[in-house]
Amino acid sequence: QVQLVESGGGLVQPGGSLRLSCAASGSIFSISTMRWFRQVPGKQRELVASISSGGTTYYVHSVLGRFTISRDNARNTVSLQMNSLKPDDTALYYCNADVRTDYRSSLYSDYWGQGTQVTVSS
């Protein structure tokens, strides 16, 4: 099995910064794309940022220039540096990864963390 564990959420004032981290562990042969999603109660889960194993990144328009996604392939971790935070960034943030667990198979499976709460408020 594979586990994804997020950390780094919390309460921050508007304009502040937080750094989210996610560590993948378990039966991991390789990880392709890693992502951060967020969800507000009553709304659909939103893709915030993604990063491929080669370092190609994607950001949703609303966080461009404020958030930076990075990963450490050797440690199977992904981070999200969030600067200039706004109240609209308040959400439960989830880590997601496509993981290959068996060297005999080329298939990747989708794994999720439990989420970490980010609250931006004065």
Protein backbone atom coordinates (compact mmCIF):
# COMPACT_ATOMS: atom_id res chain seq x y z
CA GLN A 1 0.00 0.00 0.00
CA VAL A 2 0.87 3.63 -0.43
CA GLN A 3 0.29 6.43 2.04
CA LEU A 4 0.39 10.16 1.41
CA VAL A 5 0.71 12.37 4.48
CA GLU A 6 0.32 16.14 4.29
CA SER A 7 1.61 18.68 6.78
CA GLY A 8 2.04 22.41 7.10
CA GLY A 9 -1.49 23.74 7.12
CA GLY A 10 -2.74 26.27 9.61
CA LEU A 11 -4.15 29.73 10.22
CA VAL A 12 -2.45 32.68 8.57
CA GLN A 13 -3.31 36.33 8.04
CA PRO A 14 -3.98 37.69 4.55
CA GLY A 15 -0.70 38.39 2.82
CA GLY A 16 1.09 35.72 4.80
CA SER A 17 2.81 32.53 3.70
CA LEU A 18 2.54 28.82 4.37
CA ARG A 19 4.45 25.82 3.07
CA LEU A 20 2.60 22.54 2.61
CA SER A 21 4.49 19.27 2.40
CA CYS A 22 3.43 15.79 1.39
CA ALA A 23 5.41 12.60 1.88
CA ALA A 24 4.63 9.39 0.05
CA SER A 25 5.58 6.07 1.61
CA GLY A 26 4.92 2.39 1.20
CA SER A 27 5.28 0.10 -1.79
CA ILE A 28 6.55 2.67 -4.28
CA PHE A 29 8.43 1.78 -7.45
CA SER A 30 8.04 5.18 -9.07
CA ILE A 31 5.83 8.28 -8.98
CA SER A 32 4.81 10.22 -12.05
CA THR A 33 2.71 13.33 -11.57
CA MET A 34 2.16 14.80 -8.10
CA ARG A 35 -0.58 17.34 -7.46
CA TRP A 36 -2.17 19.61 -4.89
CA PHE A 37 -5.94 19.99 -4.87
CA ARG A 38 -8.13 22.05 -2.59
CA GLN A 39 -11.76 21.89 -1.62
CA VAL A 40 -14.19 24.22 0.08
CA PRO A 41 -17.39 22.78 1.58
CA GLY A 42 -20.15 22.73 -1.01
CA LYS A 43 -17.78 23.14 -3.96
CA GLN A 44 -15.93 20.77 -6.26
CA ARG A 45 -12.37 19.80 -5.55
CA GLU A 46 -10.05 22.09 -7.54
CA LEU A 47 -6.63 21.29 -8.99
CA VAL A 48 -4.26 23.94 -7.65
CA ALA A 49 -0.90 22.82 -9.04
CA SER A 50 0.84 19.79 -10.48
CA ILE A 51 4.39 18.72 -11.22
CA SER A 52 5.61 15.90 -13.41
CA SER A 53 8.52 13.64 -12.58
CA GLY A 54 10.58 15.73 -14.97
CA GLY A 55 9.64 18.99 -13.27
CA THR A 56 6.99 20.34 -15.63
CA THR A 57 4.54 22.41 -13.61
CA TYR A 58 0.95 23.60 -13.95
CA TYR A 59 -0.90 26.18 -11.86
CA VAL A 60 -4.52 27.22 -11.77
CA HIS A 61 -4.77 30.84 -12.87
CA SER A 62 -5.82 32.14 -9.45
CA VAL A 63 -2.51 31.14 -7.80
CA LEU A 64 -0.09 32.06 -10.61
CA GLY A 65 2.81 34.07 -9.26
CA ARG A 66 1.90 33.31 -5.63
CA PHE A 67 2.25 29.54 -5.26
CA THR A 68 5.22 27.34 -6.18
CA ILE A 69 5.12 23.57 -6.40
CA SER A 70 8.30 21.51 -6.05
CA ARG A 71 9.26 17.90 -5.47
CA ASP A 72 12.12 15.75 -4.29
CA ASN A 73 12.08 12.56 -6.34
CA ALA A 74 14.63 10.84 -4.12
CA ARG A 75 12.49 11.37 -1.02
CA ASN A 76 9.08 11.01 -2.72
CA THR A 77 7.91 14.35 -1.44
CA VAL A 78 6.06 17.29 -2.93
CA SER A 79 5.72 20.77 -1.49
CA LEU A 80 3.57 23.81 -2.13
CA GLN A 81 4.97 27.19 -1.14
CA MET A 82 2.06 29.59 -0.78
CA ASN A 83 2.79 33.33 -0.61
CA SER A 84 0.55 36.39 -0.59
CA LEU A 85 -2.29 34.29 0.73
CA LYS A 86 -5.85 35.53 0.34
CA PRO A 87 -9.05 34.60 2.18
CA ASP A 88 -10.18 32.85 -1.02
CA ASP A 89 -7.29 30.41 -0.57
CA THR A 90 -8.99 29.03 2.53
CA ALA A 91 -9.68 25.35 1.91
CA LEU A 92 -8.76 21.79 2.74
CA TYR A 93 -5.66 21.02 0.70
CA TYR A 94 -5.05 17.48 -0.57
CA CYS A 95 -1.95 15.85 -1.94
CA ASN A 96 -2.39 13.47 -4.88
CA ALA A 97 0.04 11.25 -6.75
CA ASP A 98 0.14 8.70 -9.56
CA VAL A 99 2.15 5.81 -8.17
CA ARG A 100 3.57 2.68 -9.74
CA THR A 101 3.86 0.00 -7.09
CA ASP A 102 5.02 -2.98 -9.14
CA TYR A 103 8.12 -3.05 -11.33
CA ARG A 104 6.47 -5.83 -13.39
CA SER A 105 3.59 -3.58 -14.41
CA SER A 106 3.55 -0.20 -16.16
CA LEU A 107 0.28 0.80 -14.49
CA TYR A 108 0.03 3.81 -12.21
CA SER A 109 -2.66 4.14 -9.53
CA ASP A 110 -4.12 7.27 -7.99
CA TYR A 111 -3.48 7.97 -4.29
CA TRP A 112 -4.72 10.73 -2.00
CA GLY A 113 -3.72 12.15 1.34
CA GLN A 114 -6.15 12.98 4.13
CA GLY A 115 -5.89 16.72 3.65
CA THR A 116 -4.53 19.65 5.63
CA GLN A 117 -6.60 22.73 6.46
CA VAL A 118 -5.44 26.16 5.35
CA THR A 119 -7.34 29.12 6.78
CA VAL A 120 -6.54 32.68 5.71
CA SER A 121 -8.19 35.17 8.00
CA SER A 122 -7.45 38.28 9.99
